[in-house]
Amino acid sequence: MFELNRYIKTIILLPCVIVVFSCTPQYAHVPSDVISPEEFTEIIIDIRLAEAQQKVYRQKGFYDNDLIDSSYQMIYYLRGVTAEDVERSYAFYTEHPNWMEKISAEVIEKLNKMEE
């Protein structure tokens, strides 16, 4: 009787455990030549803020393509990365949707907090 209860519990619990672990997002290892997810999140926030600023300038008639390019260069300089680092990291994260989803959610959350 004891063995039968144990067997039944195993049959019931095993599929539950499999479902729980299969629903947990799996994150690929981030290579050393890719910007860390935390830093990449901050860079994306900086870029979004620079683009929002450019949108305001455009509405006021002050838009210049060189201005947005210099904003990107300043962000890269201040963050200690290059455009190539950002492009390589962006390519990696877009190839790994779990990472990109997590980064995007954090960007949105942090931007919303800034707006409050």
PDB file of N, CA and C in Angstrom:
ATOM      1  N   MET A   1       0.832  -1.195   0.000  1.00  0.00           N
ATOM      2  CA  MET A   1       0.000   0.000   0.000  1.00  0.00           C
ATOM      3  C   MET A   1       0.868   1.247   0.000  1.00  0.00           C
ATOM      4  N   PHE A   2       1.910   1.258   0.853  1.00  0.00           N
ATOM      5  CA  PHE A   2       2.795   2.409   0.940  1.00  0.00           C
ATOM      6  C   PHE A   2       3.486   2.669  -0.398  1.00  0.00           C
ATOM      7  N   GLU A   3       3.957   1.615  -1.034  1.00  0.00           N
ATOM      8  CA  GLU A   3       4.632   1.742  -2.324  1.00  0.00           C
ATOM      9  C   GLU A   3       3.663   2.233  -3.394  1.00  0.00           C
ATOM     10  N   LEU A   4       2.428   1.835  -3.339  1.00  0.00           N
ATOM     11  CA  LEU A   4       1.438   2.256  -4.321  1.00  0.00           C
ATOM     12  C   LEU A   4       1.171   3.750  -4.188  1.00  0.00           C
ATOM     13  N   ASN A   5       1.027   4.255  -2.970  1.00  0.00           N
ATOM     14  CA  ASN A   5       0.820   5.697  -2.757  1.00  0.00           C
ATOM     15  C   ASN A   5       2.020   6.499  -3.272  1.00  0.00           C
ATOM     16  N   ARG A   6       3.187   5.985  -2.992  1.00  0.00           N
ATOM     17  CA  ARG A   6       4.393   6.659  -3.460  1.00  0.00           C
ATOM     18  C   ARG A   6       4.439   6.683  -4.987  1.00  0.00           C
ATOM     19  N   TYR A   7       4.080   5.600  -5.609  1.00  0.00           N
ATOM     20  CA  TYR A   7       4.062   5.496  -7.061  1.00  0.00           C
ATOM     21  C   TYR A   7       3.040   6.468  -7.655  1.00  0.00           C
ATOM     22  N   ILE A   8       1.875   6.554  -7.050  1.00  0.00           N
ATOM     23  CA  ILE A   8       0.818   7.456  -7.525  1.00  0.00           C
ATOM     24  C   ILE A   8       1.266   8.907  -7.370  1.00  0.00           C
ATOM     25  N   LYS A   9       1.879   9.241  -6.250  1.00  0.00           N
ATOM     26  CA  LYS A   9       2.378  10.603  -6.051  1.00  0.00           C
ATOM     27  C   LYS A   9       3.419  10.956  -7.107  1.00  0.00           C
ATOM     28  N   THR A  10       4.279  10.017  -7.421  1.00  0.00           N
ATOM     29  CA  THR A  10       5.305  10.254  -8.435  1.00  0.00           C
ATOM     30  C   THR A  10       4.660  10.493  -9.795  1.00  0.00           C
ATOM     31  N   ILE A  11       3.680   9.715 -10.130  1.00  0.00           N
ATOM     32  CA  ILE A  11       2.986   9.873 -11.415  1.00  0.00           C
ATOM     33  C   ILE A  11       2.291  11.228 -11.489  1.00  0.00           C
ATOM     34  N   ILE A  12       1.734  11.685 -10.401  1.00  0.00           N
ATOM     35  CA  ILE A  12       1.023  12.969 -10.389  1.00  0.00           C
ATOM     36  C   ILE A  12       2.007  14.135 -10.347  1.00  0.00           C
ATOM     37  N   LEU A  13       3.038  14.051  -9.536  1.00  0.00           N
ATOM     38  CA  LEU A  13       3.962  15.166  -9.348  1.00  0.00           C
ATOM     39  C   LEU A  13       4.948  15.345 -10.498  1.00  0.00           C
ATOM     40  N   LEU A  14       5.369  14.279 -11.123  1.00  0.00           N
ATOM     41  CA  LEU A  14       6.358  14.386 -12.181  1.00  0.00           C
ATOM     42  C   LEU A  14       5.898  15.291 -13.324  1.00  0.00           C
ATOM     43  N   PRO A  15       4.689  15.122 -13.858  1.00  0.00           N
ATOM     44  CA  PRO A  15       4.256  16.039 -14.916  1.00  0.00           C
ATOM     45  C   PRO A  15       4.183  17.496 -14.439  1.00  0.00           C
ATOM     46  N   CYS A  16       3.803  17.703 -13.188  1.00  0.00           N
ATOM     47  CA  CYS A  16       3.746  19.073 -12.651  1.00  0.00           C
ATOM     48  C   CYS A  16       5.130  19.696 -12.613  1.00  0.00           C
ATOM     49  N   VAL A  17       6.109  18.947 -12.172  1.00  0.00           N
ATOM     50  CA  VAL A  17       7.481  19.437 -12.114  1.00  0.00           C
ATOM     51  C   VAL A  17       7.988  19.742 -13.520  1.00  0.00           C
ATOM     52  N   ILE A  18       7.707  18.873 -14.461  1.00  0.00           N
ATOM     53  CA  ILE A  18       8.131  19.089 -15.849  1.00  0.00           C
ATOM     54  C   ILE A  18       7.501  20.362 -16.404  1.00  0.00           C
ATOM     55  N   VAL A  19       6.230  20.580 -16.150  1.00  0.00           N
ATOM     56  CA  VAL A  19       5.551  21.789 -16.642  1.00  0.00           C
ATOM     57  C   VAL A  19       6.162  23.037 -16.023  1.00  0.00           C
ATOM     58  N   VAL A  20       6.422  23.011 -14.733  1.00  0.00           N
ATOM     59  CA  VAL A  20       6.992  24.183 -14.057  1.00  0.00           C
ATOM     60  C   VAL A  20       8.358  24.518 -14.641  1.00  0.00           C
ATOM     61  N   PHE A  21       9.217  23.528 -14.804  1.00  0.00           N
ATOM     62  CA  PHE A  21      10.557  23.798 -15.317  1.00  0.00           C
ATOM     63  C   PHE A  21      10.548  24.145 -16.797  1.00  0.00           C
ATOM     64  N   SER A  22       9.605  23.630 -17.547  1.00  0.00           N
ATOM     65  CA  SER A  22       9.558  23.967 -18.971  1.00  0.00           C
ATOM     66  C   SER A  22       9.031  25.383 -19.179  1.00  0.00           C
ATOM     67  N   CYS A  23       8.305  25.933 -18.221  1.00  0.00           N
ATOM     68  CA  CYS A  23       7.787  27.289 -18.330  1.00  0.00           C
ATOM     69  C   CYS A  23       8.785  28.332 -17.837  1.00  0.00           C
ATOM     70  N   THR A  24       9.814  27.902 -17.138  1.00  0.00           N
ATOM     71  CA  THR A  24      10.826  28.822 -16.642  1.00  0.00           C
ATOM     72  C   THR A  24      11.701  29.247 -17.811  1.00  0.00           C
ATOM     73  N   PRO A  25      11.847  30.569 -18.051  1.00  0.00           N
ATOM     74  CA  PRO A  25      12.662  30.999 -19.177  1.00  0.00           C
ATOM     75  C   PRO A  25      14.109  30.561 -19.023  1.00  0.00           C
ATOM     76  N   GLN A  26      14.673  30.099 -20.099  1.00  0.00           N
ATOM     77  CA  GLN A  26      16.060  29.681 -20.100  1.00  0.00           C
ATOM     78  C   GLN A  26      16.889  30.781 -20.756  1.00  0.00           C
ATOM     79  N   TYR A  27      17.904  31.239 -20.068  1.00  0.00           N
ATOM     80  CA  TYR A  27      18.745  32.309 -20.570  1.00  0.00           C
ATOM     81  C   TYR A  27      20.070  31.738 -21.054  1.00  0.00           C
ATOM     82  N   ALA A  28      20.418  32.080 -22.269  1.00  0.00           N
ATOM     83  CA  ALA A  28      21.687  31.646 -22.831  1.00  0.00           C
ATOM     84  C   ALA A  28      22.824  32.353 -22.106  1.00  0.00           C
ATOM     85  N   HIS A  29      23.959  31.694 -22.081  1.00  0.00           N
ATOM     86  CA  HIS A  29      25.159  32.303 -21.498  1.00  0.00           C
ATOM     87  C   HIS A  29      25.542  33.521 -22.335  1.00  0.00           C
ATOM     88  N   VAL A  30      25.810  34.637 -21.672  1.00  0.00           N
ATOM     89  CA  VAL A  30      26.204  35.867 -22.357  1.00  0.00           C
ATOM     90  C   VAL A  30      27.719  35.822 -22.567  1.00  0.00           C
ATOM     91  N   PRO A  31      28.162  35.826 -23.829  1.00  0.00           N
ATOM     92  CA  PRO A  31      29.608  35.777 -24.091  1.00  0.00           C
ATOM     93  C   PRO A  31      30.325  37.008 -23.535  1.00  0.00           C
ATOM     94  N   SER A  32      31.622  36.880 -23.337  1.00  0.00           N
ATOM     95  CA  SER A  32      32.407  37.967 -22.740  1.00  0.00           C
ATOM     96  C   SER A  32      32.500  39.193 -23.637  1.00  0.00           C
ATOM     97  N   ASP A  33      32.306  39.022 -24.952  1.00  0.00           N
ATOM     98  CA  ASP A  33      32.378  40.181 -25.851  1.00  0.00           C
ATOM     99  C   ASP A  33      31.024  40.870 -26.027  1.00  0.00           C
ATOM    100  N   VAL A  34      30.038  40.470 -25.234  1.00  0.00           N
ATOM    101  CA  VAL A  34      28.699  41.074 -25.269  1.00  0.00           C
ATOM    102  C   VAL A  34      28.515  41.882 -23.989  1.00  0.00           C
ATOM    103  N   ILE A  35      27.935  43.057 -24.123  1.00  0.00           N
ATOM    104  CA  ILE A  35      27.675  43.924 -22.972  1.00  0.00           C
ATOM    105  C   ILE A  35      26.717  43.203 -22.025  1.00  0.00           C
ATOM    106  N   SER A  36      26.968  43.293 -20.732  1.00  0.00           N
ATOM    107  CA  SER A  36      26.114  42.603 -19.757  1.00  0.00           C
ATOM    108  C   SER A  36      24.673  43.090 -19.878  1.00  0.00           C
ATOM    109  N   PRO A  37      23.714  42.242 -19.532  1.00  0.00           N
ATOM    110  CA  PRO A  37      22.305  42.645 -19.630  1.00  0.00           C
ATOM    111  C   PRO A  37      21.996  43.915 -18.834  1.00  0.00           C
ATOM    112  N   GLU A  38      22.593  44.051 -17.661  1.00  0.00           N
ATOM    113  CA  GLU A  38      22.334  45.230 -16.826  1.00  0.00           C
ATOM    114  C   GLU A  38      22.849  46.507 -17.496  1.00  0.00           C
ATOM    115  N   GLU A  39      24.072  46.449 -17.993  1.00  0.00           N
ATOM    116  CA  GLU A  39      24.655  47.614 -18.653  1.00  0.00           C
ATOM    117  C   GLU A  39      23.933  47.908 -19.973  1.00  0.00           C
ATOM    118  N   PHE A  40      23.574  46.853 -20.695  1.00  0.00           N
ATOM    119  CA  PHE A  40      22.867  47.037 -21.961  1.00  0.00           C
ATOM    120  C   PHE A  40      21.510  47.707 -21.712  1.00  0.00           C
ATOM    121  N   THR A  41      20.856  47.329 -20.628  1.00  0.00           N
ATOM    122  CA  THR A  41      19.589  47.958 -20.243  1.00  0.00           C
ATOM    123  C   THR A  41      19.788  49.457 -20.051  1.00  0.00           C
ATOM    124  N   GLU A  42      20.831  49.839 -19.345  1.00  0.00           N
ATOM    125  CA  GLU A  42      21.105  51.262 -19.099  1.00  0.00           C
ATOM    126  C   GLU A  42      21.428  52.004 -20.393  1.00  0.00           C
ATOM    127  N   ILE A  43      22.147  51.356 -21.291  1.00  0.00           N
ATOM    128  CA  ILE A  43      22.471  51.971 -22.584  1.00  0.00           C
ATOM    129  C   ILE A  43      21.202  52.193 -23.391  1.00  0.00           C
ATOM    130  N   ILE A  44      20.315  51.211 -23.412  1.00  0.00           N
ATOM    131  CA  ILE A  44      19.051  51.346 -24.149  1.00  0.00           C
ATOM    132  C   ILE A  44      18.223  52.478 -23.553  1.00  0.00           C
ATOM    133  N   ILE A  45      18.206  52.604 -22.240  1.00  0.00           N
ATOM    134  CA  ILE A  45      17.478  53.709 -21.598  1.00  0.00           C
ATOM    135  C   ILE A  45      18.061  55.043 -22.054  1.00  0.00           C
ATOM    136  N   ASP A  46      19.388  55.153 -22.032  1.00  0.00           N
ATOM    137  CA  ASP A  46      20.030  56.392 -22.485  1.00  0.00           C
ATOM    138  C   ASP A  46      19.671  56.705 -23.935  1.00  0.00           C
ATOM    139  N   ILE A  47      19.671  55.692 -24.781  1.00  0.00           N
ATOM    140  CA  ILE A  47      19.341  55.884 -26.199  1.00  0.00           C
ATOM    141  C   ILE A  47      17.889  56.334 -26.357  1.00  0.00           C
ATOM    142  N   ARG A  48      16.983  55.707 -25.623  1.00  0.00           N
ATOM    143  CA  ARG A  48      15.564  56.091 -25.710  1.00  0.00           C
ATOM    144  C   ARG A  48      15.364  57.533 -25.255  1.00  0.00           C
ATOM    145  N   LEU A  49      16.063  57.926 -24.205  1.00  0.00           N
ATOM    146  CA  LEU A  49      15.949  59.309 -23.729  1.00  0.00           C
ATOM    147  C   LEU A  49      16.517  60.292 -24.756  1.00  0.00           C
ATOM    148  N   ALA A  50      17.637  59.934 -25.376  1.00  0.00           N
ATOM    149  CA  ALA A  50      18.226  60.797 -26.413  1.00  0.00           C
ATOM    150  C   ALA A  50      17.286  60.913 -27.609  1.00  0.00           C
ATOM    151  N   GLU A  51      16.665  59.807 -27.992  1.00  0.00           N
ATOM    152  CA  GLU A  51      15.728  59.835 -29.117  1.00  0.00           C
ATOM    153  C   GLU A  51      14.486  60.659 -28.783  1.00  0.00           C
ATOM    154  N   ALA A  52      14.027  60.592 -27.546  1.00  0.00           N
ATOM    155  CA  ALA A  52      12.881  61.404 -27.129  1.00  0.00           C
ATOM    156  C   ALA A  52      13.248  62.884 -27.179  1.00  0.00           C
ATOM    157  N   GLN A  53      14.453  63.200 -26.761  1.00  0.00           N
ATOM    158  CA  GLN A  53      14.916  64.583 -26.818  1.00  0.00           C
ATOM    159  C   GLN A  53      14.985  65.058 -28.268  1.00  0.00           C
ATOM    160  N   GLN A  54      15.451  64.198 -29.148  1.00  0.00           N
ATOM    161  CA  GLN A  54      15.525  64.559 -30.570  1.00  0.00           C
ATOM    162  C   GLN A  54      14.129  64.791 -31.154  1.00  0.00           C
ATOM    163  N   LYS A  55      13.164  64.022 -30.684  1.00  0.00           N
ATOM    164  CA  LYS A  55      11.784  64.208 -31.150  1.00  0.00           C
ATOM    165  C   LYS A  55      11.274  65.596 -30.754  1.00  0.00           C
ATOM    166  N   VAL A  56      11.585  66.022 -29.541  1.00  0.00           N
ATOM    167  CA  VAL A  56      11.187  67.364 -29.088  1.00  0.00           C
ATOM    168  C   VAL A  56      11.871  68.429 -29.944  1.00  0.00           C
ATOM    169  N   TYR A  57      13.171  68.256 -30.191  1.00  0.00           N
ATOM    170  CA  TYR A  57      13.895  69.212 -31.035  1.00  0.00           C
ATOM    171  C   TYR A  57      13.292  69.287 -32.430  1.00  0.00           C
ATOM    172  N   ARG A  58      12.933  68.127 -32.972  1.00  0.00           N
ATOM    173  CA  ARG A  58      12.342  68.086 -34.314  1.00  0.00           C
ATOM    174  C   ARG A  58      11.026  68.860 -34.346  1.00  0.00           C
ATOM    175  N   GLN A  59      10.213  68.702 -33.305  1.00  0.00           N
ATOM    176  CA  GLN A  59       8.940  69.416 -33.239  1.00  0.00           C
ATOM    177  C   GLN A  59       9.147  70.921 -33.157  1.00  0.00           C
ATOM    178  N   LYS A  60      10.261  71.337 -32.605  1.00  0.00           N
ATOM    179  CA  LYS A  60      10.555  72.768 -32.478  1.00  0.00           C
ATOM    180  C   LYS A  60      11.369  73.294 -33.653  1.00  0.00           C
ATOM    181  N   GLY A  61      11.665  72.416 -34.621  1.00  0.00           N
ATOM    182  CA  GLY A  61      12.382  72.829 -35.813  1.00  0.00           C
ATOM    183  C   GLY A  61      13.890  72.852 -35.670  1.00  0.00           C
ATOM    184  N   PHE A  62      14.433  72.204 -34.647  1.00  0.00           N
ATOM    185  CA  PHE A  62      15.881  72.211 -34.421  1.00  0.00           C
ATOM    186  C   PHE A  62      16.543  70.879 -34.740  1.00  0.00           C
ATOM    187  N   TYR A  63      15.911  70.049 -35.515  1.00  0.00           N
ATOM    188  CA  TYR A  63      16.452  68.706 -35.745  1.00  0.00           C
ATOM    189  C   TYR A  63      17.633  68.739 -36.699  1.00  0.00           C
ATOM    190  N   ASP A  64      18.640  67.932 -36.360  1.00  0.00           N
ATOM    191  CA  ASP A  64      19.823  67.780 -37.197  1.00  0.00           C
ATOM    192  C   ASP A  64      20.311  66.341 -37.026  1.00  0.00           C
ATOM    193  N   ASN A  65      20.540  65.634 -38.130  1.00  0.00           N
ATOM    194  CA  ASN A  65      21.001  64.244 -38.052  1.00  0.00           C
ATOM    195  C   ASN A  65      22.290  64.111 -37.256  1.00  0.00           C
ATOM    196  N   ASP A  66      23.164  65.087 -37.371  1.00  0.00           N
ATOM    197  CA  ASP A  66      24.429  65.028 -36.642  1.00  0.00           C
ATOM    198  C   ASP A  66      24.206  65.086 -35.136  1.00  0.00           C
ATOM    199  N   LEU A  67      23.118  65.715 -34.713  1.00  0.00           N
ATOM    200  CA  LEU A  67      22.831  65.844 -33.287  1.00  0.00           C
ATOM    201  C   LEU A  67      22.540  64.482 -32.657  1.00  0.00           C
ATOM    202  N   ILE A  68      21.729  63.658 -33.324  1.00  0.00           N
ATOM    203  CA  ILE A  68      21.428  62.331 -32.760  1.00  0.00           C
ATOM    204  C   ILE A  68      22.669  61.452 -32.801  1.00  0.00           C
ATOM    205  N   ASP A  69      23.453  61.569 -33.869  1.00  0.00           N
ATOM    206  CA  ASP A  69      24.689  60.785 -33.948  1.00  0.00           C
ATOM    207  C   ASP A  69      25.649  61.166 -32.826  1.00  0.00           C
ATOM    208  N   SER A  70      25.758  62.454 -32.550  1.00  0.00           N
ATOM    209  CA  SER A  70      26.659  62.873 -31.465  1.00  0.00           C
ATOM    210  C   SER A  70      26.106  62.436 -30.114  1.00  0.00           C
ATOM    211  N   SER A  71      24.778  62.359 -29.987  1.00  0.00           N
ATOM    212  CA  SER A  71      24.183  61.854 -28.737  1.00  0.00           C
ATOM    213  C   SER A  71      24.556  60.396 -28.525  1.00  0.00           C
ATOM    214  N   TYR A  72      24.470  59.595 -29.593  1.00  0.00           N
ATOM    215  CA  TYR A  72      24.859  58.187 -29.486  1.00  0.00           C
ATOM    216  C   TYR A  72      26.333  58.073 -29.104  1.00  0.00           C
ATOM    217  N   GLN A  73      27.175  58.855 -29.757  1.00  0.00           N
ATOM    218  CA  GLN A  73      28.610  58.800 -29.474  1.00  0.00           C
ATOM    219  C   GLN A  73      28.906  59.193 -28.027  1.00  0.00           C
ATOM    220  N   MET A  74      28.191  60.179 -27.513  1.00  0.00           N
ATOM    221  CA  MET A  74      28.378  60.596 -26.121  1.00  0.00           C
ATOM    222  C   MET A  74      27.951  59.480 -25.164  1.00  0.00           C
ATOM    223  N   ILE A  75      26.835  58.835 -25.462  1.00  0.00           N
ATOM    224  CA  ILE A  75      26.368  57.719 -24.631  1.00  0.00           C
ATOM    225  C   ILE A  75      27.422  56.617 -24.610  1.00  0.00           C
ATOM    226  N   TYR A  76      27.916  56.255 -25.794  1.00  0.00           N
ATOM    227  CA  TYR A  76      28.919  55.189 -25.877  1.00  0.00           C
ATOM    228  C   TYR A  76      30.176  55.573 -25.100  1.00  0.00           C
ATOM    229  N   TYR A  77      30.591  56.810 -25.251  1.00  0.00           N
ATOM    230  CA  TYR A  77      31.793  57.285 -24.553  1.00  0.00           C
ATOM    231  C   TYR A  77      31.608  57.223 -23.035  1.00  0.00           C
ATOM    232  N   LEU A  78      30.484  57.754 -22.561  1.00  0.00           N
ATOM    233  CA  LEU A  78      30.232  57.781 -21.121  1.00  0.00           C
ATOM    234  C   LEU A  78      30.069  56.381 -20.537  1.00  0.00           C
ATOM    235  N   ARG A  79      29.554  55.462 -21.325  1.00  0.00           N
ATOM    236  CA  ARG A  79      29.355  54.076 -20.866  1.00  0.00           C
ATOM    237  C   ARG A  79      30.581  53.201 -21.103  1.00  0.00           C
ATOM    238  N   GLY A  80      31.579  53.742 -21.814  1.00  0.00           N
ATOM    239  CA  GLY A  80      32.811  52.984 -22.044  1.00  0.00           C
ATOM    240  C   GLY A  80      32.658  51.860 -23.046  1.00  0.00           C
ATOM    241  N   VAL A  81      31.798  52.066 -24.058  1.00  0.00           N
ATOM    242  CA  VAL A  81      31.586  51.056 -25.091  1.00  0.00           C
ATOM    243  C   VAL A  81      31.747  51.711 -26.461  1.00  0.00           C
ATOM    244  N   THR A  82      31.768  50.883 -27.488  1.00  0.00           N
ATOM    245  CA  THR A  82      31.816  51.393 -28.862  1.00  0.00           C
ATOM    246  C   THR A  82      30.513  51.064 -29.557  1.00  0.00           C
ATOM    247  N   ALA A  83      30.304  51.683 -30.707  1.00  0.00           N
ATOM    248  CA  ALA A  83      29.114  51.372 -31.499  1.00  0.00           C
ATOM    249  C   ALA A  83      29.114  49.894 -31.883  1.00  0.00           C
ATOM    250  N   GLU A  84      30.291  49.358 -32.158  1.00  0.00           N
ATOM    251  CA  GLU A  84      30.406  47.936 -32.516  1.00  0.00           C
ATOM    252  C   GLU A  84      30.005  47.041 -31.341  1.00  0.00           C
ATOM    253  N   ASP A  85      30.397  47.434 -30.127  1.00  0.00           N
ATOM    254  CA  ASP A  85      30.003  46.668 -28.934  1.00  0.00           C
ATOM    255  C   ASP A  85      28.481  46.634 -28.809  1.00  0.00           C
ATOM    256  N   VAL A  86      27.856  47.784 -29.020  1.00  0.00           N
ATOM    257  CA  VAL A  86      26.397  47.876 -28.901  1.00  0.00           C
ATOM    258  C   VAL A  86      25.724  47.059 -29.998  1.00  0.00           C
ATOM    259  N   GLU A  87      26.226  47.167 -31.222  1.00  0.00           N
ATOM    260  CA  GLU A  87      25.644  46.401 -32.329  1.00  0.00           C
ATOM    261  C   GLU A  87      25.786  44.902 -32.102  1.00  0.00           C
ATOM    262  N   ARG A  88      26.967  44.459 -31.662  1.00  0.00           N
ATOM    263  CA  ARG A  88      27.198  43.033 -31.404  1.00  0.00           C
ATOM    264  C   ARG A  88      26.279  42.545 -30.283  1.00  0.00           C
ATOM    265  N   SER A  89      26.146  43.349 -29.236  1.00  0.00           N
ATOM    266  CA  SER A  89      25.289  42.976 -28.105  1.00  0.00           C
ATOM    267  C   SER A  89      23.830  42.938 -28.527  1.00  0.00           C
ATOM    268  N   TYR A  90      23.423  43.932 -29.314  1.00  0.00           N
ATOM    269  CA  TYR A  90      22.038  43.962 -29.802  1.00  0.00           C
ATOM    270  C   TYR A  90      21.741  42.713 -30.632  1.00  0.00           C
ATOM    271  N   ALA A  91      22.682  42.334 -31.488  1.00  0.00           N
ATOM    272  CA  ALA A  91      22.500  41.126 -32.309  1.00  0.00           C
ATOM    273  C   ALA A  91      22.358  39.890 -31.421  1.00  0.00           C
ATOM    274  N   PHE A  92      23.187  39.790 -30.385  1.00  0.00           N
ATOM    275  CA  PHE A  92      23.109  38.638 -29.480  1.00  0.00           C
ATOM    276  C   PHE A  92      21.756  38.592 -28.784  1.00  0.00           C
ATOM    277  N   TYR A  93      21.341  39.729 -28.214  1.00  0.00           N
ATOM    278  CA  TYR A  93      20.097  39.732 -27.446  1.00  0.00           C
ATOM    279  C   TYR A  93      18.872  39.521 -28.331  1.00  0.00           C
ATOM    280  N   THR A  94      18.884  39.991 -29.560  1.00  0.00           N
ATOM    281  CA  THR A  94      17.739  39.745 -30.445  1.00  0.00           C
ATOM    282  C   THR A  94      17.688  38.286 -30.891  1.00  0.00           C
ATOM    283  N   GLU A  95      18.835  37.615 -30.886  1.00  0.00           N
ATOM    284  CA  GLU A  95      18.860  36.186 -31.214  1.00  0.00           C
ATOM    285  C   GLU A  95      18.413  35.326 -30.028  1.00  0.00           C
ATOM    286  N   HIS A  96      18.314  35.933 -28.855  1.00  0.00           N
ATOM    287  CA  HIS A  96      17.904  35.221 -27.639  1.00  0.00           C
ATOM    288  C   HIS A  96      16.705  35.962 -27.040  1.00  0.00           C
ATOM    289  N   PRO A  97      15.497  35.627 -27.513  1.00  0.00           N
ATOM    290  CA  PRO A  97      14.288  36.368 -27.117  1.00  0.00           C
ATOM    291  C   PRO A  97      14.042  36.460 -25.619  1.00  0.00           C
ATOM    292  N   ASN A  98      14.433  35.452 -24.856  1.00  0.00           N
ATOM    293  CA  ASN A  98      14.239  35.530 -23.401  1.00  0.00           C
ATOM    294  C   ASN A  98      15.023  36.695 -22.815  1.00  0.00           C
ATOM    295  N   TRP A  99      16.258  36.857 -23.286  1.00  0.00           N
ATOM    296  CA  TRP A  99      17.063  37.981 -22.814  1.00  0.00           C
ATOM    297  C   TRP A  99      16.459  39.304 -23.256  1.00  0.00           C
ATOM    298  N   MET A 100      16.080  39.381 -24.528  1.00  0.00           N
ATOM    299  CA  MET A 100      15.549  40.649 -25.043  1.00  0.00           C
ATOM    300  C   MET A 100      14.248  41.018 -24.342  1.00  0.00           C
ATOM    301  N   GLU A 101      13.422  40.036 -24.071  1.00  0.00           N
ATOM    302  CA  GLU A 101      12.170  40.303 -23.357  1.00  0.00           C
ATOM    303  C   GLU A 101      12.455  40.839 -21.951  1.00  0.00           C
ATOM    304  N   LYS A 102      13.413  40.233 -21.274  1.00  0.00           N
ATOM    305  CA  LYS A 102      13.767  40.677 -19.924  1.00  0.00           C
ATOM    306  C   LYS A 102      14.337  42.097 -19.946  1.00  0.00           C
ATOM    307  N   ILE A 103      15.235  42.361 -20.873  1.00  0.00           N
ATOM    308  CA  ILE A 103      15.841  43.692 -20.986  1.00  0.00           C
ATOM    309  C   ILE A 103      14.778  44.725 -21.310  1.00  0.00           C
ATOM    310  N   SER A 104      13.906  44.416 -22.268  1.00  0.00           N
ATOM    311  CA  SER A 104      12.843  45.349 -22.658  1.00  0.00           C
ATOM    312  C   SER A 104      11.923  45.658 -21.489  1.00  0.00           C
ATOM    313  N   ALA A 105      11.572  44.645 -20.725  1.00  0.00           N
ATOM    314  CA  ALA A 105      10.703  44.854 -19.561  1.00  0.00           C
ATOM    315  C   ALA A 105      11.382  45.761 -18.535  1.00  0.00           C
ATOM    316  N   GLU A 106      12.670  45.576 -18.329  1.00  0.00           N
ATOM    317  CA  GLU A 106      13.393  46.414 -17.367  1.00  0.00           C
ATOM    318  C   GLU A 106      13.511  47.854 -17.871  1.00  0.00           C
ATOM    319  N   VAL A 107      13.722  48.013 -19.174  1.00  0.00           N
ATOM    320  CA  VAL A 107      13.785  49.359 -19.754  1.00  0.00           C
ATOM    321  C   VAL A 107      12.461  50.082 -19.534  1.00  0.00           C
ATOM    322  N   ILE A 108      11.370  49.412 -19.849  1.00  0.00           N
ATOM    323  CA  ILE A 108      10.040  50.011 -19.683  1.00  0.00           C
ATOM    324  C   ILE A 108       9.789  50.354 -18.223  1.00  0.00           C
ATOM    325  N   GLU A 109      10.116  49.438 -17.336  1.00  0.00           N
ATOM    326  CA  GLU A 109       9.903  49.675 -15.900  1.00  0.00           C
ATOM    327  C   GLU A 109      10.699  50.897 -15.419  1.00  0.00           C
ATOM    328  N   LYS A 110      11.948  50.983 -15.799  1.00  0.00           N
ATOM    329  CA  LYS A 110      12.802  52.093 -15.349  1.00  0.00           C
ATOM    330  C   LYS A 110      12.358  53.414 -15.974  1.00  0.00           C
ATOM    331  N   LEU A 111      11.959  53.397 -17.241  1.00  0.00           N
ATOM    332  CA  LEU A 111      11.478  54.622 -17.874  1.00  0.00           C
ATOM    333  C   LEU A 111      10.168  55.094 -17.223  1.00  0.00           C
ATOM    334  N   ASN A 112       9.307  54.143 -16.888  1.00  0.00           N
ATOM    335  CA  ASN A 112       8.061  54.501 -16.202  1.00  0.00           C
ATOM    336  C   ASN A 112       8.342  55.127 -14.837  1.00  0.00           C
ATOM    337  N   LYS A 113       9.332  54.610 -14.120  1.00  0.00           N
ATOM    338  CA  LYS A 113       9.694  55.178 -12.817  1.00  0.00           C
ATOM    339  C   LYS A 113      10.229  56.594 -12.977  1.00  0.00           C
ATOM    340  N   MET A 114      10.993  56.827 -14.047  1.00  0.00           N
ATOM    341  CA  MET A 114      11.524  58.166 -14.304  1.00  0.00           C
ATOM    342  C   MET A 114      10.387  59.157 -14.592  1.00  0.00           C
ATOM    343  N   GLU A 115       9.343  58.662 -15.221  1.00  0.00           N
ATOM    344  CA  GLU A 115       8.217  59.503 -15.617  1.00  0.00           C
ATOM    345  C   GLU A 115       7.381  59.928 -14.418  1.00  0.00           C
ATOM    346  N   GLU A 116       7.396  59.133 -13.358  1.00  0.00           N
ATOM    347  CA  GLU A 116       6.569  59.421 -12.172  1.00  0.00           C
ATOM    348  C   GLU A 116       6.988  60.660 -11.462  1.00  0.00           C
TER     349      GLU A 116
END
